[in-house]
């Protein structure tokens, strides 16, 4: 996950274990929407609440390569991404997918990414 997403998850009190479980569900086809451009929307349960009333995450996913949580928001804050947000996330996804494994390892060491 990105540093920004990790901050959001911490603020929402989402445990790393819950994110790992969400990722497993996601890999089995359990997600709410394929937004295109390697972007997917996945529900994330907030502590003490069900999935439907909790949060939404945006994941950059390329099968057999990588899955990165990049954005999160509470359903009560907004129903969906704005067109501007989608376009920015789409560009961000391109950058993330172009990173070599070595650059990802460096980002993990620097704290720019956090492993789930």
N, C-alpha and C. Protein backbone atom coordinates (compact mmCIF):
# COMPACT_ATOMS: atom_id res chain seq x y z
N UNK A 1 0.84 -1.18 0.00
CA UNK A 1 0.00 0.00 0.00
C UNK A 1 0.89 1.24 0.00
N UNK A 2 0.33 2.32 -0.54
CA UNK A 2 1.09 3.56 -0.54
C UNK A 2 1.10 4.15 0.86
N UNK A 3 2.04 5.04 1.08
CA UNK A 3 2.16 5.72 2.37
C UNK A 3 0.86 6.47 2.70
N UNK A 4 0.30 7.15 1.70
CA UNK A 4 -0.94 7.90 1.89
C UNK A 4 -2.10 6.98 2.26
N UNK A 5 -2.21 5.84 1.58
CA UNK A 5 -3.27 4.89 1.90
C UNK A 5 -3.06 4.35 3.32
N UNK A 6 -1.82 4.06 3.70
CA UNK A 6 -1.53 3.55 5.03
C UNK A 6 -1.97 4.54 6.11
N UNK A 7 -1.77 5.82 5.87
CA UNK A 7 -2.21 6.85 6.82
C UNK A 7 -3.74 6.85 6.94
N UNK A 8 -4.42 6.75 5.81
CA UNK A 8 -5.87 6.71 5.82
C UNK A 8 -6.37 5.48 6.57
N UNK A 9 -5.77 4.32 6.29
CA UNK A 9 -6.17 3.07 6.94
C UNK A 9 -5.97 3.15 8.46
N UNK A 10 -4.87 3.75 8.86
CA UNK A 10 -4.60 3.90 10.31
C UNK A 10 -5.64 4.80 10.95
N UNK A 11 -5.97 5.89 10.28
CA UNK A 11 -6.98 6.82 10.79
C UNK A 11 -8.34 6.13 10.94
N UNK A 12 -8.65 5.22 10.02
CA UNK A 12 -9.91 4.50 10.06
C UNK A 12 -9.84 3.26 10.96
N UNK A 13 -8.67 3.02 11.54
CA UNK A 13 -8.43 1.86 12.43
C UNK A 13 -8.61 0.53 11.70
N UNK A 14 -8.16 0.50 10.45
CA UNK A 14 -8.20 -0.73 9.68
C UNK A 14 -6.91 -1.49 9.92
N UNK A 15 -7.03 -2.70 10.39
CA UNK A 15 -5.87 -3.52 10.70
C UNK A 15 -5.24 -4.08 9.42
N UNK A 16 -3.92 -4.27 9.45
CA UNK A 16 -3.22 -4.86 8.32
C UNK A 16 -3.80 -6.22 7.97
N UNK A 17 -4.19 -6.98 8.98
CA UNK A 17 -4.80 -8.29 8.77
C UNK A 17 -6.09 -8.18 7.96
N UNK A 18 -6.89 -7.14 8.25
CA UNK A 18 -8.13 -6.92 7.49
C UNK A 18 -7.83 -6.57 6.04
N UNK A 19 -6.76 -5.81 5.81
CA UNK A 19 -6.36 -5.49 4.44
C UNK A 19 -5.88 -6.74 3.71
N UNK A 20 -5.14 -7.58 4.42
CA UNK A 20 -4.66 -8.83 3.81
C UNK A 20 -5.85 -9.71 3.44
N UNK A 21 -6.85 -9.78 4.31
CA UNK A 21 -8.07 -10.57 4.02
C UNK A 21 -8.81 -9.98 2.82
N UNK A 22 -8.89 -8.66 2.76
CA UNK A 22 -9.55 -8.00 1.63
C UNK A 22 -8.82 -8.31 0.33
N UNK A 23 -7.50 -8.35 0.40
CA UNK A 23 -6.70 -8.67 -0.79
C UNK A 23 -6.95 -10.10 -1.25
N UNK A 24 -7.07 -11.04 -0.30
CA UNK A 24 -7.37 -12.43 -0.64
C UNK A 24 -8.75 -12.54 -1.30
N UNK A 25 -9.74 -11.84 -0.74
CA UNK A 25 -11.08 -11.82 -1.35
C UNK A 25 -10.99 -11.25 -2.76
N UNK A 26 -10.25 -10.17 -2.89
CA UNK A 26 -10.09 -9.50 -4.18
C UNK A 26 -9.52 -10.45 -5.23
N UNK A 27 -8.46 -11.16 -4.86
CA UNK A 27 -7.80 -12.07 -5.81
C UNK A 27 -8.73 -13.20 -6.25
N UNK A 28 -9.74 -13.51 -5.44
CA UNK A 28 -10.71 -14.55 -5.79
C UNK A 28 -11.91 -13.97 -6.54
N UNK A 29 -11.80 -12.70 -6.93
CA UNK A 29 -12.88 -12.07 -7.68
C UNK A 29 -13.86 -11.29 -6.85
N UNK A 30 -13.58 -11.13 -5.55
CA UNK A 30 -14.47 -10.41 -4.66
C UNK A 30 -14.16 -8.92 -4.61
N UNK A 31 -14.65 -8.20 -5.60
CA UNK A 31 -14.49 -6.75 -5.61
C UNK A 31 -15.76 -6.13 -6.17
N UNK A 32 -15.92 -4.85 -5.94
CA UNK A 32 -17.17 -4.18 -6.33
C UNK A 32 -17.17 -3.70 -7.77
N UNK A 33 -16.01 -3.27 -8.27
CA UNK A 33 -16.00 -2.76 -9.64
C UNK A 33 -14.61 -2.79 -10.25
N UNK A 34 -14.57 -3.13 -11.54
CA UNK A 34 -13.36 -2.99 -12.34
C UNK A 34 -13.52 -1.64 -13.03
N UNK A 35 -12.69 -0.68 -12.64
CA UNK A 35 -12.81 0.68 -13.15
C UNK A 35 -12.07 0.88 -14.47
N UNK A 36 -11.34 -0.15 -14.89
CA UNK A 36 -10.51 -0.04 -16.08
C UNK A 36 -9.14 0.51 -15.72
N UNK A 37 -8.21 0.44 -16.64
CA UNK A 37 -6.86 0.97 -16.44
C UNK A 37 -6.17 0.35 -15.22
N UNK A 38 -6.45 -0.95 -14.96
CA UNK A 38 -5.88 -1.69 -13.84
C UNK A 38 -6.33 -1.17 -12.47
N UNK A 39 -7.43 -0.44 -12.42
CA UNK A 39 -7.96 0.08 -11.16
C UNK A 39 -9.23 -0.68 -10.78
N UNK A 40 -9.32 -1.03 -9.50
CA UNK A 40 -10.46 -1.78 -8.98
C UNK A 40 -10.95 -1.14 -7.69
N UNK A 41 -12.25 -1.22 -7.47
CA UNK A 41 -12.83 -0.73 -6.21
C UNK A 41 -13.18 -1.94 -5.35
N UNK A 42 -12.75 -1.89 -4.09
CA UNK A 42 -12.97 -2.99 -3.14
C UNK A 42 -13.45 -2.41 -1.82
N UNK A 43 -14.52 -2.99 -1.28
CA UNK A 43 -15.00 -2.57 0.04
C UNK A 43 -14.02 -3.01 1.12
N UNK A 44 -13.89 -2.16 2.12
CA UNK A 44 -13.06 -2.45 3.28
C UNK A 44 -13.91 -2.21 4.52
N UNK A 45 -13.93 -3.19 5.39
CA UNK A 45 -14.74 -3.07 6.61
C UNK A 45 -14.00 -2.27 7.67
N UNK A 46 -14.69 -1.27 8.24
CA UNK A 46 -14.15 -0.53 9.37
C UNK A 46 -14.44 -1.33 10.63
N UNK A 47 -13.58 -1.18 11.60
CA UNK A 47 -13.73 -1.92 12.85
C UNK A 47 -15.09 -1.61 13.48
N UNK A 48 -15.84 -2.67 13.79
CA UNK A 48 -17.14 -2.53 14.42
C UNK A 48 -18.29 -2.23 13.48
N UNK A 49 -18.01 -2.24 12.16
CA UNK A 49 -19.06 -1.96 11.18
C UNK A 49 -19.02 -3.02 10.10
N UNK A 50 -20.11 -3.14 9.38
CA UNK A 50 -20.16 -4.06 8.25
C UNK A 50 -19.53 -3.43 7.03
N UNK A 51 -19.33 -4.24 5.99
CA UNK A 51 -18.70 -3.73 4.77
C UNK A 51 -19.52 -2.65 4.08
N UNK A 52 -20.84 -2.81 4.06
CA UNK A 52 -21.67 -1.88 3.29
C UNK A 52 -21.61 -0.46 3.84
N UNK A 53 -21.41 -0.29 5.14
CA UNK A 53 -21.37 1.04 5.74
C UNK A 53 -19.97 1.53 6.01
N UNK A 54 -19.00 0.87 5.49
CA UNK A 54 -17.63 1.22 5.82
C UNK A 54 -16.94 1.97 4.69
N UNK A 55 -15.77 1.49 4.29
CA UNK A 55 -14.97 2.23 3.32
C UNK A 55 -14.82 1.56 1.99
N UNK A 56 -14.28 2.31 1.09
CA UNK A 56 -13.97 1.81 -0.25
C UNK A 56 -12.49 2.05 -0.49
N UNK A 57 -11.87 1.11 -1.14
CA UNK A 57 -10.47 1.27 -1.49
C UNK A 57 -10.32 1.14 -2.99
N UNK A 58 -9.28 1.77 -3.50
CA UNK A 58 -8.94 1.64 -4.90
C UNK A 58 -7.61 0.90 -4.94
N UNK A 59 -7.58 -0.15 -5.72
CA UNK A 59 -6.41 -1.02 -5.83
C UNK A 59 -5.91 -1.00 -7.26
N UNK A 60 -4.60 -0.82 -7.42
CA UNK A 60 -3.97 -1.02 -8.73
C UNK A 60 -3.59 -2.49 -8.76
N UNK A 61 -4.06 -3.20 -9.78
CA UNK A 61 -3.81 -4.64 -9.83
C UNK A 61 -3.47 -5.09 -11.24
N UNK A 62 -2.37 -5.79 -11.34
CA UNK A 62 -1.99 -6.45 -12.58
C UNK A 62 -1.71 -7.90 -12.22
N UNK A 63 -2.54 -8.80 -12.73
CA UNK A 63 -2.46 -10.21 -12.37
C UNK A 63 -1.05 -10.76 -12.56
N UNK A 64 -0.60 -11.48 -11.55
CA UNK A 64 0.73 -12.09 -11.59
C UNK A 64 1.86 -11.11 -11.37
N UNK A 65 1.53 -9.85 -11.10
CA UNK A 65 2.58 -8.84 -10.97
C UNK A 65 2.49 -8.12 -9.62
N UNK A 66 1.43 -7.35 -9.42
CA UNK A 66 1.33 -6.60 -8.17
C UNK A 66 -0.09 -6.13 -7.90
N UNK A 67 -0.35 -5.89 -6.62
CA UNK A 67 -1.60 -5.30 -6.15
C UNK A 67 -1.21 -4.25 -5.12
N UNK A 68 -1.66 -3.01 -5.33
CA UNK A 68 -1.27 -1.91 -4.45
C UNK A 68 -2.52 -1.11 -4.08
N UNK A 69 -2.78 -1.01 -2.77
CA UNK A 69 -3.84 -0.12 -2.29
C UNK A 69 -3.33 1.31 -2.47
N UNK A 70 -4.10 2.14 -3.20
CA UNK A 70 -3.61 3.50 -3.45
C UNK A 70 -4.53 4.60 -2.92
N UNK A 71 -5.80 4.28 -2.68
CA UNK A 71 -6.74 5.33 -2.26
C UNK A 71 -7.84 4.70 -1.44
N UNK A 72 -8.31 5.45 -0.44
CA UNK A 72 -9.41 4.98 0.37
C UNK A 72 -10.35 6.12 0.72
N UNK A 73 -11.62 5.79 0.89
CA UNK A 73 -12.59 6.79 1.32
C UNK A 73 -13.76 6.10 1.99
N UNK A 74 -14.38 6.81 2.93
CA UNK A 74 -15.55 6.28 3.61
C UNK A 74 -16.77 6.48 2.73
N UNK A 75 -17.65 5.50 2.72
CA UNK A 75 -18.86 5.59 1.90
C UNK A 75 -19.69 6.80 2.29
N UNK A 76 -19.68 7.14 3.58
CA UNK A 76 -20.48 8.29 4.02
C UNK A 76 -19.89 9.61 3.54
N UNK A 77 -18.58 9.62 3.18
CA UNK A 77 -17.95 10.83 2.66
C UNK A 77 -18.36 11.10 1.22
N UNK A 78 -18.37 10.05 0.41
CA UNK A 78 -18.76 10.18 -0.99
C UNK A 78 -19.12 8.80 -1.53
N UNK A 79 -19.94 8.78 -2.54
CA UNK A 79 -20.41 7.52 -3.11
C UNK A 79 -19.39 6.93 -4.07
N UNK A 80 -18.67 7.79 -4.77
CA UNK A 80 -17.76 7.30 -5.80
C UNK A 80 -16.67 8.32 -6.08
N UNK A 81 -15.74 7.96 -6.92
CA UNK A 81 -14.68 8.86 -7.34
C UNK A 81 -15.22 9.90 -8.31
N UNK A 82 -14.67 11.10 -8.24
CA UNK A 82 -15.01 12.10 -9.25
C UNK A 82 -14.23 11.77 -10.52
N UNK A 83 -14.62 12.37 -11.61
CA UNK A 83 -13.92 12.14 -12.87
C UNK A 83 -12.46 12.58 -12.75
N UNK A 84 -12.22 13.69 -12.09
CA UNK A 84 -10.86 14.21 -11.89
C UNK A 84 -10.02 13.22 -11.07
N UNK A 85 -10.61 12.71 -9.98
CA UNK A 85 -9.90 11.73 -9.15
C UNK A 85 -9.55 10.49 -9.96
N UNK A 86 -10.52 10.01 -10.75
CA UNK A 86 -10.28 8.82 -11.56
C UNK A 86 -9.12 9.04 -12.53
N UNK A 87 -9.10 10.18 -13.20
CA UNK A 87 -8.03 10.47 -14.16
C UNK A 87 -6.67 10.54 -13.47
N UNK A 88 -6.62 11.14 -12.29
CA UNK A 88 -5.36 11.21 -11.54
C UNK A 88 -4.91 9.82 -11.09
N UNK A 89 -5.84 9.01 -10.60
CA UNK A 89 -5.50 7.66 -10.16
C UNK A 89 -5.08 6.79 -11.34
N UNK A 90 -5.69 7.01 -12.49
CA UNK A 90 -5.32 6.28 -13.70
C UNK A 90 -3.86 6.57 -14.08
N UNK A 91 -3.47 7.83 -14.01
CA UNK A 91 -2.07 8.20 -14.30
C UNK A 91 -1.12 7.63 -13.24
N UNK A 92 -1.56 7.68 -11.99
CA UNK A 92 -0.74 7.13 -10.90
C UNK A 92 -0.55 5.63 -11.10
N UNK A 93 -1.60 4.94 -11.53
CA UNK A 93 -1.51 3.50 -11.78
C UNK A 93 -0.46 3.20 -12.84
N UNK A 94 -0.42 3.99 -13.89
CA UNK A 94 0.59 3.80 -14.94
C UNK A 94 2.00 3.89 -14.37
N UNK A 95 2.21 4.88 -13.51
CA UNK A 95 3.53 5.06 -12.89
C UNK A 95 3.86 3.85 -12.02
N UNK A 96 2.92 3.44 -11.19
CA UNK A 96 3.17 2.31 -10.28
C UNK A 96 3.45 1.02 -11.04
N UNK A 97 2.74 0.80 -12.13
CA UNK A 97 2.94 -0.42 -12.90
C UNK A 97 4.25 -0.41 -13.69
N UNK A 98 4.81 0.77 -13.89
CA UNK A 98 6.08 0.87 -14.62
C UNK A 98 7.30 0.68 -13.71
N UNK A 99 7.07 0.67 -12.39
CA UNK A 99 8.20 0.53 -11.45
C UNK A 99 8.79 -0.88 -11.50
N UNK A 100 10.10 -0.94 -11.50
CA UNK A 100 10.78 -2.24 -11.43
C UNK A 100 10.67 -2.78 -10.01
N UNK A 101 10.94 -4.07 -9.85
CA UNK A 101 10.93 -4.67 -8.51
C UNK A 101 11.95 -3.99 -7.61
N UNK A 102 13.09 -3.62 -8.20
CA UNK A 102 14.13 -2.94 -7.43
C UNK A 102 13.63 -1.60 -6.89
N UNK A 103 12.91 -0.84 -7.71
CA UNK A 103 12.39 0.46 -7.27
C UNK A 103 11.29 0.28 -6.22
N UNK A 104 10.51 -0.77 -6.34
CA UNK A 104 9.50 -1.05 -5.32
C UNK A 104 10.17 -1.40 -4.00
N UNK A 105 11.23 -2.19 -4.05
CA UNK A 105 11.98 -2.53 -2.83
C UNK A 105 12.55 -1.28 -2.17
N UNK A 106 13.06 -0.37 -2.97
CA UNK A 106 13.59 0.90 -2.44
C UNK A 106 12.47 1.71 -1.79
N UNK A 107 11.32 1.77 -2.45
CA UNK A 107 10.16 2.49 -1.90
C UNK A 107 9.71 1.88 -0.58
N UNK A 108 9.76 0.56 -0.48
CA UNK A 108 9.42 -0.10 0.79
C UNK A 108 10.43 0.27 1.88
N UNK A 109 11.70 0.27 1.54
CA UNK A 109 12.75 0.63 2.50
C UNK A 109 12.62 2.08 2.95
N UNK A 110 12.23 2.96 2.03
CA UNK A 110 12.09 4.39 2.35
C UNK A 110 10.79 4.72 3.07
N UNK A 111 9.87 3.78 3.13
CA UNK A 111 8.59 4.02 3.77
C UNK A 111 7.54 4.61 2.86
N UNK A 112 7.83 4.68 1.56
CA UNK A 112 6.84 5.20 0.61
C UNK A 112 5.76 4.16 0.33
N UNK A 113 6.09 2.90 0.49
CA UNK A 113 5.14 1.79 0.40
C UNK A 113 5.22 1.01 1.70
N UNK A 114 4.13 0.34 2.01
CA UNK A 114 4.10 -0.54 3.18
C UNK A 114 3.51 -1.86 2.72
N UNK A 115 4.16 -2.94 3.09
CA UNK A 115 3.69 -4.27 2.68
C UNK A 115 2.47 -4.68 3.52
N UNK A 116 1.51 -5.31 2.85
CA UNK A 116 0.30 -5.81 3.53
C UNK A 116 0.54 -7.26 3.88
